[in-house]
Amino acid sequence: MTPGPAQPAAASKAKNWRDLRKRALSALVLGPAALLCVWLGANVYTLLLAAGAAILTWEWVRLCGLRTAKLPGAGVPVAVFLAGALAVAELAPIAWLVLVAGFLLTWAWAERLRGRDRPEQPALRLALGVLYIGVAFLCLIELRHENEAGRANLIFLLLVVWASDIGAYLAGRAFGGPLLWPQVSPAKTWSGAMGGLLLAMAVGGFAAVQLAPGSPLRAAAAAAVLAVATQSGDLLESAIKRHFKVKDTSSLIPGHGGLLDRLDGLLAAAPAAMILALLIGYGGALWR
């Protein structure tokens, strides 16, 4: 019997959702763990960031075909961790200077080796990992320094980023439609982008009422800014993977790939949240 047109369509729909279970299980483990670390205070939160930075820098150096145990690949984690240690010690201006210096030194060292005996080594690409990971790392540290407001802001940031990711995934898979940027990603759609934006605004407005006094409408507006940053970070990481010709940055997280695949939105949203915090002034909620 010849299959009707409904059967291929049904098979295609089932294929769209085949990774949902793995993604959901990974999120159910990682999400509450991250929120708990934020809630428990600075020490546990710092350990979480350190573990994340170690994995992220390892994945980046690995993408560049190098190792973190040997120069120039070691320059990426060293620069990020040294800047992070200074930020934890509340020496933020020096931390930012060290991050920029680490970027320049890693680039110069990689160029030196590239010119001498490794002409194929990606010097600038390697060094850019210092900024790509380090800027978000410092912003996440600085946001937590605001004590109670910092804790509320970080929880708000995480919930909005996750809502943007979930909304984009569900709407994109359910409705499909025109691609957001076909040259970069064959899967991200305008319907997904809108779904992510709307769910992020709804979650942000609800979370703000629970976390701190403030206007739900302002919270929804702040969430919209963070959602746009999240989706921009997602597109940037898709462009990076296309550049490196890989599907995932690693295979650490079932259904997601690597930690860079999972935190791409947060790496862009954290600097956006830091800018909002600077605009409203330290010590207050992002939606104040």
Foldseek 3Di string as FASTA:
>chain_A
DDDDPVVVVVVVLCVLCVLVVLVVVLCVVPVVVQLVQLVVADVSNLVVLLVLLVQLLQLQLVLQVHGCVDPPSVLQSVLLVVLLVCLLVVNNVVSVVSLVVSLVVSLVRQVVCCVPPNVPGDSNSSSVSSVLSNVLSSLLSVLSVLPLQSSLQVVLLSQLLVLLVVQLSVQCSVPPDDAPDCVQDVRGRPRSLVRSLVRSLVRQLVSPVVRDDAHSNLSSVLSNQLSVQLVVLLSVVSNVCVVSVHDASAQPRRSQGGVCSVCSSSSRSSVVLSVLCVVVDRNHHSSD
